[in-house]
N, C-alpha and C. Protein backbone atom coordinates (compact mmCIF):
# COMPACT_ATOMS: atom_id res chain seq x y z
N UNK A 1 0.96 -1.15 -0.16
CA UNK A 1 0.06 0.08 0.21
C UNK A 1 0.87 1.31 0.05
N UNK A 2 2.08 1.13 0.96
CA UNK A 2 2.86 2.19 0.81
C UNK A 2 3.62 2.38 -0.36
N UNK A 3 3.52 1.78 -1.31
CA UNK A 3 4.62 1.47 -2.38
C UNK A 3 3.83 2.43 -3.21
N UNK A 4 2.39 1.92 -3.43
CA UNK A 4 1.73 2.08 -4.42
C UNK A 4 1.30 3.80 -3.94
N UNK A 5 1.43 4.32 -3.08
CA UNK A 5 1.17 5.60 -2.63
C UNK A 5 2.36 6.34 -3.35
N UNK A 6 3.59 5.87 -3.08
CA UNK A 6 5.03 6.38 -3.65
C UNK A 6 4.66 6.67 -5.23
N UNK A 7 4.20 5.40 -5.59
CA UNK A 7 3.93 5.75 -7.11
C UNK A 7 2.93 6.33 -7.83
N UNK A 8 1.48 6.90 -7.13
CA UNK A 8 0.97 7.66 -7.43
C UNK A 8 1.56 8.90 -7.01
N UNK A 9 2.60 9.56 -6.37
CA UNK A 9 3.25 10.72 -6.51
C UNK A 9 3.69 11.37 -7.76
N UNK A 10 3.82 10.03 -8.60
CA UNK A 10 4.64 10.69 -10.06
C UNK A 10 3.31 10.44 -11.01
N UNK A 11 2.18 10.45 -10.67
CA UNK A 11 1.08 10.49 -11.44
C UNK A 11 1.00 11.66 -12.53
N UNK A 12 0.93 12.86 -11.43
CA UNK A 12 1.10 14.27 -12.33
C UNK A 12 2.19 14.05 -13.53
N UNK A 13 3.41 13.73 -12.97
CA UNK A 13 4.64 13.91 -13.84
C UNK A 13 4.15 13.27 -15.32
N UNK A 14 3.72 11.95 -15.04
CA UNK A 14 3.49 10.93 -15.90
C UNK A 14 2.78 12.02 -17.07
N UNK A 15 1.59 12.39 -16.54
CA UNK A 15 0.63 12.88 -17.20
C UNK A 15 1.06 13.93 -17.99
N UNK A 16 1.83 15.08 -17.37
CA UNK A 16 2.42 16.02 -17.88
C UNK A 16 3.33 16.16 -18.69
N UNK A 17 4.38 14.77 -18.90
CA UNK A 17 5.58 14.91 -19.22
C UNK A 17 5.16 13.86 -20.61
N UNK A 18 4.65 12.55 -20.39
CA UNK A 18 4.27 11.53 -21.27
C UNK A 18 3.08 11.64 -21.83
N UNK A 19 2.04 11.58 -21.09
CA UNK A 19 0.84 11.51 -21.70
C UNK A 19 0.17 12.68 -22.59
N UNK A 20 0.62 13.81 -22.16
CA UNK A 20 0.43 14.99 -22.81
C UNK A 20 1.10 15.58 -24.18
N UNK A 21 2.17 15.40 -24.24
CA UNK A 21 2.69 15.39 -25.65
C UNK A 21 2.51 14.32 -26.28
N UNK A 22 2.14 13.23 -25.93
CA UNK A 22 1.44 12.00 -26.90
C UNK A 22 0.26 12.59 -27.56
N UNK A 23 -0.74 13.19 -26.62
CA UNK A 23 -2.09 14.06 -27.32
C UNK A 23 -1.92 15.27 -28.23
N UNK A 24 -0.77 15.79 -27.69
CA UNK A 24 -0.43 16.81 -28.49
C UNK A 24 0.37 16.46 -29.95
N UNK A 25 0.98 15.51 -29.85
CA UNK A 25 1.40 14.91 -31.63
C UNK A 25 0.42 14.29 -31.88
N UNK A 26 -0.94 13.09 -31.36
CA UNK A 26 -1.61 12.58 -32.09
C UNK A 26 -2.96 13.69 -32.46
N UNK A 27 -3.04 14.78 -32.25
CA UNK A 27 -3.95 15.55 -32.57
C UNK A 27 -3.93 17.08 -33.15
N UNK A 28 -2.44 16.62 -33.43
CA UNK A 28 -1.88 17.80 -34.44
C UNK A 28 -1.76 17.19 -35.62
N UNK A 29 -2.22 18.14 -36.93
CA UNK A 29 -1.80 17.92 -37.73
C UNK A 29 -0.71 18.04 -38.69
N UNK A 30 0.10 17.11 -38.82
CA UNK A 30 1.83 17.27 -38.87
C UNK A 30 1.72 16.83 -40.58
N UNK A 31 2.35 17.19 -41.46
CA UNK A 31 2.37 16.85 -42.90
C UNK A 31 3.17 15.10 -42.72
N UNK A 32 2.61 14.60 -43.64
CA UNK A 32 2.85 12.89 -43.74
C UNK A 32 4.34 12.60 -43.87
N UNK A 33 4.75 11.70 -43.02
CA UNK A 33 6.01 11.24 -43.45
C UNK A 33 6.10 9.88 -43.32
N UNK A 34 7.46 8.77 -43.56
CA UNK A 34 7.29 7.51 -43.22
C UNK A 34 7.24 7.38 -41.83
N UNK A 35 6.95 6.11 -41.74
CA UNK A 35 7.11 5.59 -40.41
C UNK A 35 8.23 5.45 -39.36
N UNK A 36 9.29 5.17 -39.95
CA UNK A 36 10.29 5.47 -39.26
C UNK A 36 10.84 6.77 -39.01
N UNK A 37 10.65 7.75 -39.73
CA UNK A 37 11.07 9.25 -39.31
C UNK A 37 9.78 10.02 -38.37
N UNK A 38 8.50 9.24 -38.33
CA UNK A 38 7.99 9.56 -37.17
C UNK A 38 8.09 9.03 -36.10
N UNK A 39 8.60 7.83 -36.07
CA UNK A 39 9.01 7.24 -34.78
C UNK A 39 9.82 8.03 -33.88
N UNK A 40 11.36 8.39 -34.54
CA UNK A 40 12.25 9.57 -34.65
C UNK A 40 12.05 10.11 -34.04
N UNK A 41 11.03 11.05 -34.83
CA UNK A 41 10.80 12.24 -34.41
C UNK A 41 9.83 12.28 -32.78
N UNK A 42 8.78 11.09 -32.76
CA UNK A 42 8.14 11.05 -31.46
C UNK A 42 9.21 10.66 -30.24
N UNK A 43 10.39 10.16 -30.35
CA UNK A 43 11.06 9.42 -29.49
C UNK A 43 11.96 10.60 -29.41
N UNK A 44 12.14 11.49 -29.83
CA UNK A 44 12.99 12.37 -29.77
C UNK A 44 12.21 13.65 -28.44
N UNK A 45 10.88 13.85 -29.26
CA UNK A 45 9.78 14.67 -28.24
C UNK A 45 9.98 14.33 -26.91
N UNK A 46 9.50 12.91 -26.94
CA UNK A 46 9.44 12.00 -25.38
C UNK A 46 10.50 12.45 -24.75
N UNK A 47 11.57 12.09 -25.43
CA UNK A 47 13.08 12.02 -24.84
C UNK A 47 13.04 13.93 -24.27
N UNK A 48 12.86 14.62 -25.14
CA UNK A 48 13.10 15.97 -24.36
C UNK A 48 11.79 16.35 -23.23
N UNK A 49 10.84 15.73 -24.01
CA UNK A 49 10.03 16.20 -22.47
C UNK A 49 10.23 15.47 -21.25
N UNK A 50 10.96 14.28 -21.41
CA UNK A 50 11.64 13.77 -19.97
C UNK A 50 12.54 14.49 -19.54
N UNK A 51 13.32 15.07 -20.21
CA UNK A 51 14.13 15.91 -19.64
C UNK A 51 13.87 17.47 -19.09
N UNK A 52 12.67 17.84 -19.82
CA UNK A 52 11.87 18.89 -18.82
C UNK A 52 11.40 18.41 -17.88
N UNK A 53 11.15 17.34 -17.76
CA UNK A 53 10.67 16.78 -16.41
C UNK A 53 11.58 16.44 -14.92
N UNK A 54 13.02 16.49 -15.63
CA UNK A 54 14.11 16.54 -14.48
C UNK A 54 13.92 17.63 -13.25
N UNK A 55 13.51 19.06 -14.09
CA UNK A 55 13.41 19.94 -13.13
C UNK A 55 12.45 19.37 -11.84
N UNK A 56 11.39 18.90 -12.39
CA UNK A 56 10.50 18.56 -11.05
C UNK A 56 10.66 17.10 -10.43
N UNK A 57 11.55 16.41 -10.94
CA UNK A 57 12.38 15.24 -10.25
C UNK A 57 13.85 15.32 -9.68
N UNK A 58 13.89 16.41 -8.53
CA UNK A 58 14.94 16.90 -7.81
C UNK A 58 14.59 17.16 -6.74
N UNK A 59 15.34 17.81 -5.88
CA UNK A 59 15.44 18.05 -4.65
C UNK A 59 14.65 19.80 -4.93
N UNK A 60 14.47 20.09 -5.96
CA UNK A 60 13.60 21.90 -6.12
C UNK A 60 12.18 21.25 -6.25
N UNK A 61 11.65 19.81 -6.33
CA UNK A 61 10.16 19.79 -6.11
C UNK A 61 9.91 19.44 -4.45
N UNK A 62 10.28 20.48 -3.64
CA UNK A 62 9.97 20.05 -1.90
C UNK A 62 8.41 19.43 -1.58
N UNK A 63 7.97 19.64 -2.46
CA UNK A 63 6.59 18.53 -2.57
C UNK A 63 6.70 17.05 -1.98
N UNK A 64 7.48 16.64 -3.75
CA UNK A 64 7.58 15.54 -3.61
C UNK A 64 8.84 14.77 -2.80
N UNK A 65 9.80 15.51 -2.74
CA UNK A 65 10.82 15.37 -1.58
C UNK A 65 10.04 14.60 -0.38
N UNK A 66 9.28 15.82 0.20
CA UNK A 66 8.76 15.31 1.67
C UNK A 66 7.55 14.05 1.22
N UNK A 67 7.37 13.65 0.22
CA UNK A 67 6.50 12.70 -0.01
C UNK A 67 6.94 11.22 -0.29
N UNK A 68 8.19 11.53 -1.18
CA UNK A 68 9.15 10.08 -1.36
C UNK A 68 10.20 10.51 -1.20
N UNK A 69 10.80 9.38 -0.76
CA UNK A 69 12.34 9.42 -0.32
C UNK A 69 13.27 10.36 -1.90
N UNK A 70 14.10 11.09 -0.98
CA UNK A 70 15.08 11.57 -1.77
C UNK A 70 15.80 10.43 -2.64
N UNK A 71 16.27 9.65 -2.24
CA UNK A 71 17.15 8.38 -2.76
C UNK A 71 16.03 7.72 -3.83
N UNK A 72 15.10 7.64 -3.98
CA UNK A 72 13.72 7.42 -4.84
C UNK A 72 13.95 8.23 -6.00
N UNK A 73 13.72 9.51 -5.65
CA UNK A 73 13.54 10.77 -6.47
C UNK A 73 15.06 10.74 -7.40
N UNK A 74 15.93 10.47 -6.89
CA UNK A 74 17.19 10.54 -7.55
C UNK A 74 17.46 9.63 -8.36
N UNK A 75 17.10 8.01 -8.10
CA UNK A 75 17.42 6.87 -8.83
C UNK A 75 16.66 7.31 -10.08
N UNK A 76 15.42 7.93 -9.93
CA UNK A 76 14.64 8.13 -11.20
C UNK A 76 15.24 9.03 -12.36
N UNK A 77 15.54 10.29 -11.19
CA UNK A 77 16.58 11.30 -11.94
C UNK A 77 17.62 11.10 -12.58
N UNK A 78 18.34 10.04 -12.14
CA UNK A 78 19.87 9.67 -12.79
C UNK A 78 19.65 8.83 -14.02
N UNK A 79 18.50 7.84 -14.25
CA UNK A 79 17.89 6.94 -15.19
C UNK A 79 17.41 7.84 -16.08
N UNK A 80 16.71 8.51 -16.08
CA UNK A 80 15.92 9.62 -17.20
C UNK A 80 17.37 10.17 -17.74
N UNK A 81 17.97 10.93 -16.91
CA UNK A 81 18.94 11.47 -17.45
C UNK A 81 19.89 10.70 -18.43
N UNK A 82 20.64 10.12 -17.61
CA UNK A 82 21.44 8.96 -18.71
C UNK A 82 20.89 8.25 -20.01
N UNK A 83 19.49 7.97 -19.94
CA UNK A 83 19.04 7.37 -20.65
C UNK A 83 18.55 8.16 -21.97
N UNK A 84 17.66 9.27 -21.37
CA UNK A 84 17.51 10.20 -22.66
C UNK A 84 18.16 11.35 -22.97
N UNK A 85 18.87 11.56 -22.07
CA UNK A 85 20.16 12.11 -22.39
C UNK A 85 20.87 11.69 -23.98
N UNK A 86 21.48 10.52 -23.86
CA UNK A 86 21.51 9.83 -24.63
C UNK A 86 20.94 9.86 -25.91
N UNK A 87 19.45 9.60 -25.65
CA UNK A 87 18.80 9.76 -27.05
C UNK A 87 18.72 10.92 -27.77
N UNK A 88 18.26 12.10 -26.84
CA UNK A 88 18.91 13.22 -27.52
C UNK A 88 20.35 13.51 -28.19
N UNK A 89 21.34 13.26 -27.57
CA UNK A 89 22.23 13.14 -28.48
C UNK A 89 22.38 12.60 -29.43
N UNK A 90 21.52 11.66 -30.18
CA UNK A 90 21.34 10.94 -31.06
C UNK A 90 20.61 11.60 -32.10
N UNK A 91 19.96 12.64 -31.80
CA UNK A 91 19.57 13.65 -32.49
C UNK A 91 19.82 13.88 -33.43
N UNK A 92 20.75 14.83 -33.73
CA UNK A 92 21.68 15.03 -35.10
C UNK A 92 21.80 13.90 -35.56
N UNK A 93 22.00 12.71 -35.71
CA UNK A 93 22.05 11.71 -36.70
C UNK A 93 20.89 11.12 -37.18
N UNK A 94 19.66 11.44 -36.19
CA UNK A 94 18.29 10.76 -37.15
C UNK A 94 18.26 12.00 -38.04
N UNK A 95 19.00 13.13 -37.86
CA UNK A 95 18.25 13.91 -38.83
C UNK A 95 19.25 13.61 -40.14
N UNK A 96 20.31 13.23 -39.91
CA UNK A 96 21.62 13.44 -41.04
C UNK A 96 21.31 11.92 -41.61
N UNK A 97 21.08 10.65 -41.13
CA UNK A 97 21.09 9.14 -41.57
C UNK A 97 20.27 9.29 -42.68
N UNK A 98 18.87 9.67 -42.77
CA UNK A 98 18.08 9.74 -43.69
C UNK A 98 18.61 10.42 -44.95
N UNK A 99 19.76 11.29 -44.76
CA UNK A 99 20.40 11.85 -45.93
C UNK A 99 20.92 10.59 -46.81
N UNK A 100 21.38 9.51 -46.05
CA UNK A 100 21.87 8.48 -47.24
C UNK A 100 21.36 7.89 -48.20
N UNK A 101 19.80 8.08 -47.73
CA UNK A 101 18.73 7.89 -48.95
C UNK A 101 17.92 8.99 -49.69
N UNK A 102 18.82 10.25 -49.40
CA UNK A 102 18.17 11.41 -50.28
C UNK A 102 19.33 11.98 -50.90
N UNK A 103 19.11 12.27 -52.19
CA UNK A 103 19.91 12.42 -53.67
C UNK A 103 20.17 13.49 -53.43
N UNK A 104 19.49 14.66 -52.67
CA UNK A 104 19.69 15.87 -52.83
C UNK A 104 20.64 16.36 -51.98
N UNK A 105 20.74 15.99 -50.28
CA UNK A 105 21.77 16.54 -49.93
C UNK A 105 22.50 15.44 -49.25
N UNK A 106 24.09 15.63 -49.64
CA UNK A 106 24.55 14.44 -48.85
C UNK A 106 25.28 14.36 -47.57
N UNK A 107 24.85 13.36 -47.12
CA UNK A 107 25.11 13.38 -45.15
C UNK A 107 26.15 14.34 -44.95
N UNK A 108 27.36 14.63 -45.70
CA UNK A 108 28.83 15.34 -45.49
C UNK A 108 28.22 16.60 -45.55
N UNK A 109 27.46 17.09 -46.40
CA UNK A 109 27.04 18.37 -46.58
C UNK A 109 26.37 18.93 -45.39
N UNK A 110 25.35 18.00 -45.64
CA UNK A 110 24.00 18.18 -44.34
C UNK A 110 25.14 18.64 -42.84
N UNK A 111 26.24 17.87 -42.61
CA UNK A 111 26.79 17.90 -41.48
C UNK A 111 27.79 19.04 -41.27
N UNK A 112 28.28 19.47 -42.60
CA UNK A 112 29.27 20.55 -42.43
C UNK A 112 28.00 21.95 -42.40
N UNK A 113 26.83 21.43 -43.22
CA UNK A 113 26.12 22.85 -42.84
C UNK A 113 25.99 22.63 -41.49
N UNK A 114 25.31 21.95 -41.02
CA UNK A 114 25.28 21.98 -39.17
C UNK A 114 25.98 22.89 -38.38
N UNK A 115 27.48 22.32 -38.47
CA UNK A 115 28.24 22.89 -37.55
C UNK A 115 29.26 23.93 -38.32
N UNK A 116 28.83 24.52 -39.27
CA UNK A 116 29.15 26.20 -39.82
C UNK A 116 28.37 26.95 -40.05
N UNK A 117 26.82 26.69 -39.93
CA UNK A 117 25.91 27.41 -39.80
C UNK A 117 25.86 29.08 -39.22
N UNK A 118 26.68 29.56 -38.75
CA UNK A 118 26.24 30.38 -37.60
C UNK A 118 25.76 31.32 -37.63
N UNK A 119 25.16 32.23 -38.97
CA UNK A 119 24.26 32.91 -39.53
C UNK A 119 22.84 32.55 -39.13
N UNK A 120 22.60 30.74 -38.92
CA UNK A 120 21.24 30.86 -38.33
C UNK A 120 21.07 30.33 -37.41
N UNK A 121 20.23 31.39 -36.40
CA UNK A 121 20.33 30.82 -34.80
C UNK A 121 19.74 29.68 -34.53
N UNK A 122 18.86 28.88 -34.92
CA UNK A 122 18.44 28.20 -34.50
C UNK A 122 19.50 27.04 -34.56
N UNK A 123 20.36 26.91 -35.46
CA UNK A 123 21.52 25.90 -35.43
C UNK A 123 22.44 26.33 -34.27
N UNK A 124 22.79 27.84 -34.42
CA UNK A 124 23.65 28.17 -33.36
C UNK A 124 22.94 27.42 -32.19
N UNK A 125 21.77 27.64 -31.66
CA UNK A 125 21.11 27.49 -30.32
C UNK A 125 21.39 26.07 -30.58
N UNK A 126 20.84 25.19 -31.19
CA UNK A 126 21.35 23.65 -31.18
C UNK A 126 22.52 23.29 -30.90
N UNK A 127 23.39 24.10 -31.42
CA UNK A 127 25.00 23.51 -31.27
C UNK A 127 25.34 23.86 -29.40
N UNK A 128 24.75 24.82 -28.89
CA UNK A 128 25.07 25.46 -27.84
C UNK A 128 24.39 24.34 -26.99
N UNK A 129 22.94 23.97 -26.99
CA UNK A 129 22.05 23.28 -26.69
C UNK A 129 23.24 21.72 -26.33
N UNK A 130 23.40 21.20 -27.36
CA UNK A 130 24.20 19.94 -27.59
C UNK A 130 25.43 20.02 -27.04
N UNK A 131 26.36 21.02 -26.79
CA UNK A 131 27.69 21.27 -26.18
C UNK A 131 27.35 21.56 -24.51
N UNK A 132 26.00 21.86 -23.83
CA UNK A 132 25.82 22.07 -22.73
C UNK A 132 25.52 20.73 -22.43
N UNK A 133 24.73 20.00 -23.04
CA UNK A 133 24.44 18.69 -22.71
C UNK A 133 25.28 17.71 -22.63
N UNK A 134 26.42 17.75 -23.45
CA UNK A 134 27.34 16.96 -23.59
C UNK A 134 28.45 16.98 -22.01
N UNK A 135 28.62 18.38 -21.73
CA UNK A 135 28.96 18.63 -20.88
C UNK A 135 28.15 18.03 -19.39
N UNK A 136 26.80 18.34 -19.13
CA UNK A 136 26.27 18.04 -18.32
C UNK A 136 26.42 16.51 -18.07
N UNK A 137 26.51 15.38 -19.00
CA UNK A 137 26.65 14.20 -19.14
C UNK A 137 27.69 13.84 -18.60
N UNK A 138 28.80 14.14 -19.26
CA UNK A 138 30.46 13.94 -19.06
C UNK A 138 30.35 14.40 -17.34
N UNK A 139 30.22 15.54 -16.68
CA UNK A 139 30.15 16.24 -15.56
C UNK A 139 29.53 15.36 -14.22
N UNK A 140 28.47 14.63 -14.94
CA UNK A 140 27.44 13.76 -13.69
C UNK A 140 28.13 12.04 -13.87
N UNK A 141 28.72 11.86 -15.22
CA UNK A 141 29.00 10.74 -14.67
C UNK A 141 30.64 10.62 -14.23
N UNK A 142 31.05 11.44 -14.36
CA UNK A 142 32.76 11.25 -14.02
C UNK A 142 32.94 12.35 -12.59
N UNK A 143 32.04 12.69 -12.04
CA UNK A 143 32.15 13.87 -10.79
C UNK A 143 32.91 13.10 -9.79
N UNK A 144 33.15 12.16 -9.48
CA UNK A 144 33.90 11.87 -8.31
C UNK A 144 35.14 11.52 -8.83
N UNK A 145 35.50 11.64 -10.38
CA UNK A 145 36.89 11.54 -10.74
C UNK A 145 36.96 12.75 -11.33
N UNK A 146 36.48 13.59 -11.14
CA UNK A 146 36.76 14.97 -11.49
C UNK A 146 37.27 16.15 -10.26
N UNK A 147 36.51 15.02 -8.73
CA UNK A 147 36.91 15.72 -7.82
C UNK A 147 36.31 16.93 -7.09
N UNK A 148 35.07 17.02 -7.68
CA UNK A 148 34.28 18.08 -7.80
C UNK A 148 33.47 18.17 -6.07
N UNK A 149 33.32 19.04 -5.16
CA UNK A 149 32.40 19.03 -4.13
C UNK A 149 31.03 18.63 -4.64
N UNK A 150 30.24 18.17 -3.88
CA UNK A 150 29.01 18.20 -4.23
C UNK A 150 28.35 19.64 -4.54
N UNK A 151 28.23 20.47 -3.44
CA UNK A 151 27.61 21.66 -3.59
C UNK A 151 28.04 22.17 -4.59
N UNK A 152 29.18 22.62 -4.88
CA UNK A 152 29.85 23.15 -6.13
C UNK A 152 29.09 22.22 -7.44
N UNK A 153 29.68 20.98 -7.83
CA UNK A 153 28.88 20.31 -8.92
C UNK A 153 27.47 20.56 -9.01
N UNK A 154 26.63 20.60 -7.85
CA UNK A 154 25.00 20.60 -8.01
C UNK A 154 24.77 21.92 -8.46
N UNK A 155 25.51 22.69 -7.74
CA UNK A 155 25.02 24.47 -8.52
C UNK A 155 25.18 24.75 -9.92
N UNK A 156 26.85 23.96 -10.57
CA UNK A 156 27.15 24.10 -11.96
C UNK A 156 25.99 23.07 -12.28
N UNK A 157 25.68 21.84 -12.32
CA UNK A 157 24.96 21.06 -12.81
C UNK A 157 23.31 21.75 -13.16
N UNK A 158 22.99 22.70 -12.08
CA UNK A 158 21.72 23.76 -12.12
C UNK A 158 21.74 24.78 -13.17
N UNK A 159 23.23 25.67 -13.51
CA UNK A 159 22.58 26.35 -14.16
C UNK A 159 23.37 25.96 -15.12
N UNK A 160 23.95 24.97 -15.71
CA UNK A 160 24.50 24.52 -17.10
C UNK A 160 23.06 23.73 -17.51
N UNK A 161 22.23 23.08 -16.95
CA UNK A 161 21.18 22.58 -17.18
C UNK A 161 20.16 23.80 -17.85
N UNK A 162 20.02 25.40 -16.90
CA UNK A 162 19.30 26.08 -17.77
C UNK A 162 20.01 26.47 -18.84
N UNK A 163 21.10 26.91 -18.86
CA UNK A 163 21.60 27.17 -20.04
C UNK A 163 20.99 25.89 -21.67
N UNK A 164 21.41 24.50 -21.14
CA UNK A 164 20.64 23.83 -22.34
C UNK A 164 19.37 24.05 -22.27
N UNK A 165 18.32 23.78 -21.20
CA UNK A 165 16.97 23.95 -21.68
C UNK A 165 16.64 24.88 -22.51
N UNK A 166 17.00 26.69 -22.33
CA UNK A 166 16.83 27.70 -22.83
C UNK A 166 17.32 27.40 -24.04
N UNK A 167 18.30 27.09 -24.34
CA UNK A 167 18.73 26.91 -25.84
C UNK A 167 17.90 25.95 -26.61
N UNK A 168 17.70 24.68 -25.84
CA UNK A 168 17.04 23.89 -26.90
C UNK A 168 15.63 24.14 -27.15
N UNK A 169 14.65 24.98 -25.99
CA UNK A 169 13.82 25.08 -26.43
C UNK A 169 13.30 26.09 -27.49
N UNK A 170 14.29 26.92 -27.33
CA UNK A 170 14.45 28.07 -28.48
C UNK A 170 15.07 27.21 -29.85
N UNK A 171 16.05 26.48 -29.68
CA UNK A 171 16.40 25.62 -31.16
C UNK A 171 14.80 25.02 -31.25
N UNK A 172 14.27 24.22 -31.10
CA UNK A 172 12.67 23.65 -31.24
C UNK A 172 11.92 24.23 -31.65
N UNK A 173 11.73 25.38 -31.28
CA UNK A 173 10.73 26.50 -31.83
C UNK A 173 11.28 26.96 -33.17
N UNK A 174 12.36 27.31 -33.37
CA UNK A 174 12.94 27.96 -34.61
C UNK A 174 12.92 26.93 -35.23
N UNK A 175 13.41 25.85 -35.17
CA UNK A 175 13.52 24.52 -36.59
C UNK A 175 12.76 23.59 -36.19
N UNK A 176 12.51 23.50 -34.91
CA UNK A 176 11.50 21.95 -34.91
C UNK A 176 10.24 21.77 -35.96
N UNK A 177 10.57 20.76 -37.00
CA UNK A 177 9.67 20.38 -37.93
C UNK A 177 8.04 20.19 -37.09
N UNK A 178 8.03 19.80 -35.68
CA UNK A 178 6.76 20.05 -34.95
C UNK A 178 6.35 20.68 -33.83
N UNK A 179 7.35 21.82 -34.03
CA UNK A 179 7.03 23.11 -32.89
C UNK A 179 5.68 23.76 -33.28
N UNK A 180 4.76 23.25 -33.56
CA UNK A 180 3.61 24.10 -33.80
C UNK A 180 3.34 24.77 -32.27
N UNK A 181 2.16 25.90 -32.61
CA UNK A 181 1.77 26.51 -31.40
C UNK A 181 1.64 25.73 -29.88
N UNK A 182 0.96 24.87 -30.13
CA UNK A 182 0.51 23.96 -28.94
C UNK A 182 1.54 23.53 -28.61
N UNK A 183 2.82 22.86 -28.97
CA UNK A 183 4.30 22.49 -28.56
C UNK A 183 5.31 23.62 -28.09
N UNK A 184 4.66 24.66 -28.49
CA UNK A 184 5.92 25.57 -28.23
C UNK A 184 4.80 26.32 -26.55
N UNK A 185 3.62 25.97 -26.68
CA UNK A 185 3.28 26.48 -25.59
C UNK A 185 3.65 25.69 -24.49
N UNK A 186 3.69 24.09 -24.90
CA UNK A 186 4.21 23.26 -23.55
C UNK A 186 5.78 23.33 -23.09
N UNK A 187 6.52 23.38 -23.99
CA UNK A 187 7.78 23.92 -23.79
C UNK A 187 8.02 25.17 -23.06
N UNK A 188 7.63 26.27 -23.41
CA UNK A 188 7.79 27.48 -22.54
C UNK A 188 7.10 27.42 -20.97
N UNK A 189 5.93 26.94 -21.24
CA UNK A 189 5.46 26.75 -19.53
C UNK A 189 6.11 25.67 -18.84
N UNK A 190 6.43 24.43 -19.64
CA UNK A 190 7.35 23.68 -18.62
C UNK A 190 8.87 23.92 -18.17
N UNK A 191 9.35 24.64 -19.29
CA UNK A 191 10.94 25.03 -19.00
C UNK A 191 11.00 26.32 -18.05
N UNK A 192 9.72 27.40 -18.02
CA UNK A 192 9.86 28.63 -17.28
C UNK A 192 9.32 27.78 -15.94
N UNK A 193 8.58 27.22 -15.63
CA UNK A 193 8.20 26.62 -14.54
C UNK A 193 9.50 25.84 -13.72
N UNK A 194 10.21 25.04 -14.60
CA UNK A 194 11.45 24.07 -14.26
C UNK A 194 12.32 25.41 -13.59
N UNK A 195 12.64 26.31 -14.60
CA UNK A 195 13.93 27.46 -14.30
C UNK A 195 13.37 28.26 -12.68
N UNK A 196 11.98 28.34 -12.72
CA UNK A 196 11.38 29.19 -11.36
C UNK A 196 12.04 28.15 -10.25
N UNK A 197 11.89 26.72 -10.31
CA UNK A 197 11.98 26.02 -9.42
C UNK A 197 13.71 25.92 -9.03
N UNK A 198 14.39 26.06 -9.99
CA UNK A 198 16.04 26.47 -9.87
C UNK A 198 15.97 27.79 -8.91
N UNK A 199 15.48 28.93 -9.28
CA UNK A 199 15.75 30.16 -9.03
C UNK A 199 15.35 30.15 -7.50
N UNK A 200 14.25 29.53 -7.53
CA UNK A 200 13.57 29.66 -5.96
C UNK A 200 14.62 28.79 -4.94
N UNK A 201 15.23 28.01 -5.44
CA UNK A 201 16.32 27.33 -4.59
C UNK A 201 17.37 27.80 -4.46
N UNK A 202 18.02 28.07 -5.42
CA UNK A 202 19.53 28.75 -5.54
C UNK A 202 19.55 30.11 -5.51
N UNK A 203 18.56 31.20 -5.67
CA UNK A 203 18.51 32.72 -5.40
C UNK A 203 17.61 33.05 -4.63
N UNK A 204 16.35 32.94 -4.77
CA UNK A 204 15.71 33.22 -3.67
C UNK A 204 15.48 32.78 -2.44
N UNK A 205 16.35 31.48 -2.13
CA UNK A 205 15.68 30.66 -0.90
C UNK A 205 16.71 29.92 -1.08
N UNK A 206 17.91 30.18 -0.96
CA UNK A 206 19.50 29.30 -0.88
C UNK A 206 19.56 28.36 0.24
N UNK A 207 19.76 27.18 0.41
CA UNK A 207 19.85 26.46 1.53
C UNK A 207 21.00 26.55 2.09
N UNK A 208 21.09 26.61 3.52
CA UNK A 208 22.00 27.28 4.20
C UNK A 208 22.18 25.46 4.96
N UNK A 209 21.51 24.56 5.16
CA UNK A 209 21.81 23.33 5.81
C UNK A 209 23.09 22.86 4.92
N UNK A 210 24.01 22.10 5.75
CA UNK A 210 25.07 21.17 5.06
C UNK A 210 24.33 19.88 3.90
N UNK A 211 25.13 20.20 2.87
CA UNK A 211 24.20 19.16 1.98
C UNK A 211 25.36 17.61 1.98
N UNK A 212 24.58 16.65 2.41
CA UNK A 212 25.50 15.30 1.84
C UNK A 212 25.68 15.01 0.76
N UNK A 213 26.56 14.58 0.91
CA UNK A 213 27.09 14.29 -0.74
C UNK A 213 26.84 12.85 -1.31
N UNK A 214 25.67 12.85 -2.10
CA UNK A 214 25.20 11.88 -2.71
C UNK A 214 25.68 10.99 -4.06
């Protein structure tokens, strides 16, 4: 019974970051594409949505931490982080690989355009988001080997995540094939809410209690 209550605490996040994006997808009138491309697009959207949920699967979500053990929240946070950042890191390849089947643009030309088109704000933001995401993953995975104090790492992680989310949302709105009005509103509201949680913890009411290295 106690375990069922804990699972119930995650229901709002499941509805907001899995069910809602799926509904927005199926209710939107997107151009027809192959089953493979639709599957990759939907996987990317869900992965990004779950990364947005990370704001609410941490100690910044005080209500959840009170109802569910921090260790349980942390396990889910780590799982989503490692798995779905890995998926998002494949996002450029989801775009470039189909070029092998397209005679219009070669994969090499498409890749060069992606990394050199500094006059395109959408592509630049994508590169910023990708770089921030890569640093987040490396510093999270190798934190102990980098000998970073937990408080220092946590603050660095929070600020870098904010950069990643802002750049990624802007990138998705600017270049995203499926960033219609509904998805744009979803990204902006969830992203802004998550950043507010961070500001509340680190700026408005910073914790003065000693933090256990976890």
